[in-house]
N, C-alpha and C. Protein backbone atom coordinates (compact mmCIF):
# COMPACT_ATOMS: atom_id res chain seq x y z
N MET A 1 -0.72 -20.95 13.24
CA MET A 1 0.91 -20.65 13.56
C MET A 1 0.83 -18.98 14.03
N ASN A 2 1.60 -19.06 14.85
CA ASN A 2 1.62 -17.50 15.71
C ASN A 2 2.63 -16.85 14.25
N ARG A 3 2.17 -15.75 14.13
CA ARG A 3 3.24 -15.09 12.88
C ARG A 3 3.72 -14.05 13.97
N MET A 4 5.17 -13.48 13.50
CA MET A 4 5.73 -12.33 14.38
C MET A 4 6.41 -11.47 13.30
N PHE A 5 6.50 -10.19 13.97
CA PHE A 5 7.45 -9.04 13.12
C PHE A 5 8.93 -9.02 13.84
N THR A 6 9.70 -9.45 12.51
CA THR A 6 11.20 -9.43 12.86
C THR A 6 11.85 -8.72 11.72
N ASN A 7 13.17 -8.72 12.06
CA ASN A 7 14.21 -8.27 11.24
C ASN A 7 13.54 -8.42 10.05
N ALA A 8 13.68 -9.79 9.53
CA ALA A 8 13.39 -10.06 8.30
C ALA A 8 12.30 -9.24 7.59
N ARG A 9 11.50 -8.78 8.23
CA ARG A 9 10.24 -8.48 7.71
C ARG A 9 10.33 -6.83 7.36
N LEU A 10 11.45 -6.64 8.49
CA LEU A 10 12.02 -4.80 8.25
C LEU A 10 12.77 -5.01 6.89
N ARG A 11 13.48 -5.65 6.64
CA ARG A 11 14.24 -5.81 5.08
C ARG A 11 13.50 -5.97 4.36
N LEU A 12 12.74 -6.80 4.17
CA LEU A 12 11.57 -7.03 3.42
C LEU A 12 11.03 -5.77 3.18
N GLU A 13 10.38 -5.32 3.45
CA GLU A 13 9.60 -4.09 3.33
C GLU A 13 10.54 -2.87 3.11
N ASN A 14 11.31 -2.47 3.23
CA ASN A 14 12.51 -1.82 2.83
C ASN A 14 13.10 -2.27 1.30
N ALA A 15 13.09 -3.34 1.14
CA ALA A 15 13.41 -3.87 -0.15
C ALA A 15 11.83 -3.14 -1.23
N VAL A 16 10.75 -3.49 -0.64
CA VAL A 16 9.57 -3.45 -1.23
C VAL A 16 9.44 -1.62 -1.11
N PHE A 17 10.24 -1.46 -0.71
CA PHE A 17 9.50 0.52 -0.61
C PHE A 17 10.80 1.28 -0.89
N ALA A 18 12.31 0.29 -1.75
CA ALA A 18 13.36 0.97 -1.99
C ALA A 18 13.02 1.93 -3.14
N GLY A 19 13.59 3.26 -3.05
CA GLY A 19 13.34 4.30 -4.03
C GLY A 19 12.34 5.22 -3.73
N THR A 20 11.48 4.93 -2.99
CA THR A 20 10.43 5.80 -2.54
C THR A 20 10.98 6.45 -0.83
N GLY A 21 9.77 7.62 -0.55
CA GLY A 21 9.56 7.75 0.48
C GLY A 21 9.25 7.14 1.63
N GLY A 22 8.97 5.44 1.66
CA GLY A 22 8.74 4.42 2.61
C GLY A 22 10.07 4.11 2.99
N VAL A 23 10.83 4.97 2.94
CA VAL A 23 12.40 3.97 3.41
C VAL A 23 12.69 5.50 4.07
N SER A 24 13.39 5.26 5.18
CA SER A 24 13.60 6.43 5.84
C SER A 24 14.75 7.27 5.23
N ALA A 25 15.93 6.68 4.69
CA ALA A 25 16.64 7.30 4.00
C ALA A 25 16.28 8.34 2.99
N ASN A 26 15.09 7.78 2.15
CA ASN A 26 14.74 8.69 1.44
C ASN A 26 13.75 9.74 2.29
N ASN A 27 13.07 9.79 3.06
CA ASN A 27 12.25 10.74 3.70
C ASN A 27 12.84 11.35 4.65
N ARG A 28 14.17 11.48 5.59
CA ARG A 28 14.72 12.13 6.41
C ARG A 28 14.68 13.21 6.31
N HIS A 29 15.39 13.91 4.75
CA HIS A 29 15.07 14.98 4.98
C HIS A 29 14.18 16.16 4.89
N ALA A 30 12.81 15.29 4.81
CA ALA A 30 11.30 16.17 4.60
C ALA A 30 11.02 16.30 6.69
N GLY A 31 11.75 15.39 7.38
CA GLY A 31 11.58 15.84 8.64
C GLY A 31 10.57 14.39 9.37
N PHE A 32 10.41 13.28 8.16
CA PHE A 32 9.96 12.12 8.90
C PHE A 32 10.75 11.27 9.84
N ILE A 33 9.63 10.76 11.05
CA ILE A 33 10.74 10.03 11.72
C ILE A 33 10.31 8.58 11.90
N PRO A 34 11.18 7.68 12.07
CA PRO A 34 11.06 5.99 11.88
C PRO A 34 10.09 6.15 13.19
N ALA A 35 9.15 5.03 12.63
CA ALA A 35 8.24 4.88 14.05
C ALA A 35 7.56 3.76 13.93
N PHE A 36 6.75 2.98 14.66
CA PHE A 36 5.79 2.18 15.07
C PHE A 36 4.44 2.73 15.35
N ARG A 37 3.23 1.88 15.03
CA ARG A 37 1.62 1.78 15.49
C ARG A 37 1.59 0.45 15.92
N GLU A 38 0.88 0.62 17.20
CA GLU A 38 0.54 -0.68 17.54
C GLU A 38 -1.74 -0.10 17.16
N PRO A 39 -2.00 -1.20 15.92
CA PRO A 39 -3.28 -0.61 15.45
C PRO A 39 -4.59 -0.61 16.37
N ALA A 40 -4.45 -1.49 17.06
CA ALA A 40 -5.83 -1.67 18.46
C ALA A 40 -6.09 -0.74 19.57
N SER A 41 -4.65 -0.36 19.99
CA SER A 41 -4.54 1.19 20.82
C SER A 41 -4.43 2.23 20.46
N GLY A 42 -3.83 2.48 18.85
CA GLY A 42 -2.84 3.36 18.53
C GLY A 42 -1.85 3.99 18.93
N ARG A 43 -1.45 3.55 19.91
CA ARG A 43 -0.13 3.90 19.83
C ARG A 43 1.20 4.06 19.06
N ILE A 44 1.94 4.82 19.35
CA ILE A 44 3.04 4.95 18.78
C ILE A 44 4.25 5.56 19.01
N GLU A 45 5.41 4.51 18.90
CA GLU A 45 6.87 4.92 19.42
C GLU A 45 7.45 4.69 18.60
N ILE A 46 8.30 6.03 18.50
CA ILE A 46 9.48 6.26 17.33
C ILE A 46 10.35 5.00 17.72
N ALA A 47 11.40 4.64 16.44
CA ALA A 47 12.34 4.05 16.60
C ALA A 47 13.50 4.32 17.49
N ARG A 48 13.84 3.06 18.49
CA ARG A 48 14.87 4.17 19.49
C ARG A 48 16.25 2.75 19.22
N TYR A 49 17.17 3.53 19.49
CA TYR A 49 18.34 2.48 20.10
C TYR A 49 18.28 1.72 21.26
N ASP A 50 18.60 0.49 21.58
CA ASP A 50 19.04 0.02 22.96
C ASP A 50 18.50 0.79 24.20
N ASN A 51 19.37 2.24 24.01
CA ASN A 51 19.68 3.13 25.03
C ASN A 51 18.62 3.97 25.16
N GLY A 52 17.62 3.96 24.09
CA GLY A 52 16.98 5.05 24.42
C GLY A 52 16.75 6.07 23.32
N GLN A 53 17.77 6.56 22.54
CA GLN A 53 17.77 7.20 21.69
C GLN A 53 17.17 6.85 20.29
N PRO A 54 16.99 7.99 19.92
CA PRO A 54 15.85 8.23 18.59
C PRO A 54 16.88 7.14 17.57
N ALA A 55 16.56 6.29 16.77
CA ALA A 55 17.26 5.78 15.82
C ALA A 55 16.85 6.29 14.53
N PRO A 56 17.94 6.33 13.52
CA PRO A 56 17.60 7.11 12.19
C PRO A 56 16.50 6.11 11.08
N MET A 57 16.50 4.92 11.95
CA MET A 57 16.03 4.00 11.35
C MET A 57 14.80 2.88 11.72
N HIS A 58 14.47 1.86 11.57
CA HIS A 58 13.58 1.21 12.16
C HIS A 58 14.42 -0.01 12.83
N LEU A 59 14.23 0.05 13.71
CA LEU A 59 14.88 -1.09 14.55
C LEU A 59 13.92 -1.60 16.14
N LEU A 60 14.04 -2.86 15.94
CA LEU A 60 12.71 -3.91 17.03
C LEU A 60 13.49 -3.53 18.81
N CYS A 61 14.60 -3.28 18.66
CA CYS A 61 15.02 -2.75 19.93
C CYS A 61 14.16 -1.37 20.49
N GLY A 62 13.99 -1.50 21.50
CA GLY A 62 13.60 -0.18 22.20
C GLY A 62 12.33 -0.03 22.19
N LEU A 63 11.38 -1.29 21.82
CA LEU A 63 9.64 -0.84 21.65
C LEU A 63 9.23 -1.26 23.14
N PRO A 64 8.33 -1.09 23.37
CA PRO A 64 7.29 -1.23 24.49
C PRO A 64 7.67 -3.04 25.02
N GLU A 65 8.06 -3.06 26.46
CA GLU A 65 8.05 -4.96 26.51
C GLU A 65 6.87 -5.50 26.05
N GLU A 66 5.23 -5.02 26.34
CA GLU A 66 4.19 -5.93 25.95
C GLU A 66 4.42 -5.90 24.23
N TRP A 67 5.21 -5.34 23.51
CA TRP A 67 5.20 -5.44 22.27
C TRP A 67 6.13 -6.48 21.79
N VAL A 68 7.09 -7.13 22.89
CA VAL A 68 7.69 -7.76 22.46
C VAL A 68 7.64 -9.26 22.87
N VAL A 69 7.66 -10.28 21.67
CA VAL A 69 7.56 -11.69 21.66
C VAL A 69 7.97 -12.42 22.18
N GLU A 70 9.70 -12.21 21.38
CA GLU A 70 10.78 -12.79 21.43
C GLU A 70 11.77 -12.46 21.57
N ARG A 71 13.01 -13.11 21.87
CA ARG A 71 14.32 -12.23 22.49
C ARG A 71 15.47 -13.34 21.97
N ASN A 72 16.58 -13.19 21.95
CA ASN A 72 17.84 -14.47 21.80
C ASN A 72 18.02 -14.70 23.12
N SER A 73 19.36 -15.28 22.90
CA SER A 73 19.94 -16.13 24.11
C SER A 73 20.56 -14.60 24.98
N ALA A 74 21.11 -13.46 23.89
CA ALA A 74 21.78 -12.31 24.68
C ALA A 74 20.79 -11.46 24.76
N GLY A 75 19.32 -11.79 25.06
CA GLY A 75 18.27 -10.73 25.68
C GLY A 75 17.83 -9.33 24.45
N GLU A 76 18.17 -9.66 23.10
CA GLU A 76 17.71 -9.06 22.23
C GLU A 76 16.66 -9.35 21.60
N VAL A 77 15.79 -7.82 20.97
CA VAL A 77 14.34 -8.31 20.60
C VAL A 77 14.49 -8.97 19.68
N VAL A 78 13.95 -9.86 18.90
CA VAL A 78 13.81 -10.73 17.75
C VAL A 78 12.82 -10.82 16.89
N ALA A 79 11.88 -10.35 17.66
CA ALA A 79 10.22 -10.94 17.16
C ALA A 79 9.47 -9.77 18.23
N ILE A 80 8.85 -8.85 17.39
CA ILE A 80 7.37 -8.44 18.05
C ILE A 80 6.31 -8.82 17.54
N LEU A 81 5.14 -8.44 18.30
CA LEU A 81 3.57 -8.53 17.49
C LEU A 81 3.67 -8.28 16.27
N ASP A 82 2.89 -9.33 15.65
CA ASP A 82 3.00 -8.96 14.17
C ASP A 82 1.85 -8.04 13.58
N SER A 83 0.77 -7.66 14.37
CA SER A 83 -0.14 -6.52 14.35
C SER A 83 0.94 -5.11 14.44
N ILE A 84 1.81 -5.09 14.67
CA ILE A 84 2.33 -3.77 14.89
C ILE A 84 3.00 -3.21 13.66
N VAL A 85 2.97 -2.20 13.13
CA VAL A 85 3.06 -1.19 11.59
C VAL A 85 4.02 -0.59 11.80
N ALA A 86 4.59 -0.37 10.80
CA ALA A 86 6.29 0.31 10.83
C ALA A 86 5.69 1.10 9.45
N GLY A 87 6.13 3.10 10.12
CA GLY A 87 5.72 3.52 9.16
C GLY A 87 6.75 4.94 9.68
N PHE A 88 6.41 6.32 9.83
CA PHE A 88 6.63 7.41 10.05
C PHE A 88 5.93 8.45 10.95
N LEU A 89 6.27 8.92 11.68
CA LEU A 89 5.98 10.19 12.25
C LEU A 89 6.51 11.37 11.76
N HIS A 90 5.41 12.19 11.29
CA HIS A 90 5.98 13.85 11.08
C HIS A 90 4.44 14.48 11.43
N ASP A 91 4.89 15.57 12.19
CA ASP A 91 4.32 16.70 12.79
C ASP A 91 2.80 16.14 13.29
N ALA A 92 3.33 14.76 14.37
CA ALA A 92 2.19 14.08 15.05
C ALA A 92 1.25 13.13 14.12
N THR A 93 1.61 13.32 13.35
CA THR A 93 0.99 12.25 12.40
C THR A 93 1.22 10.99 11.98
N PHE A 94 0.90 9.65 11.98
CA PHE A 94 1.74 8.36 11.63
C PHE A 94 1.38 8.19 10.35
N TYR A 95 2.45 8.33 9.93
CA TYR A 95 2.12 8.22 8.05
C TYR A 95 2.64 6.27 7.93
N THR A 96 1.82 5.26 7.08
CA THR A 96 2.46 4.09 6.71
C THR A 96 3.21 4.18 5.81
N ARG A 97 4.18 3.52 5.51
CA ARG A 97 5.35 3.17 4.80
C ARG A 97 4.66 3.58 3.22
N GLU A 98 3.19 2.90 3.10
CA GLU A 98 2.40 3.17 1.93
C GLU A 98 2.13 4.44 1.52
N GLU A 99 1.77 5.39 2.73
CA GLU A 99 1.36 6.44 2.69
C GLU A 99 2.33 7.33 2.65
N ALA A 100 3.67 7.42 3.01
CA ALA A 100 5.02 7.99 3.12
C ALA A 100 5.25 8.52 1.62
N ALA A 101 5.61 7.02 0.99
CA ALA A 101 5.86 6.75 -0.44
C ALA A 101 5.12 7.47 -1.23
N THR A 102 3.95 7.90 -1.03
CA THR A 102 2.92 8.79 -2.10
C THR A 102 3.43 10.19 -1.59
N ILE A 103 3.73 10.37 -0.46
CA ILE A 103 3.82 11.56 -0.24
C ILE A 103 5.36 12.27 -1.08
N ILE A 104 6.55 11.33 -0.38
CA ILE A 104 7.73 11.85 -0.71
C ILE A 104 8.52 11.44 -2.06
């Protein structure tokens, strides 16, 4: 079965890291920017709205087209590659949710 990274996974991760620095609302004050990393290439992309503006939380829209694996009938991104990791960018360094949770 093909696994995908969906909004349900984002909600689950937010629940797991609630109350810690692994959630945008809890680390924004320290300058952490929600971002995603593709492990094989190391490519990092900050979370963005559809219009390209930086988003204050993790969103699947605005990510590179090659990461997108499914869209709904309205063309909205509903799933990206399962290998993508949600985390944060801070001072040009990517932190996973786990790492951010231990720092903040």
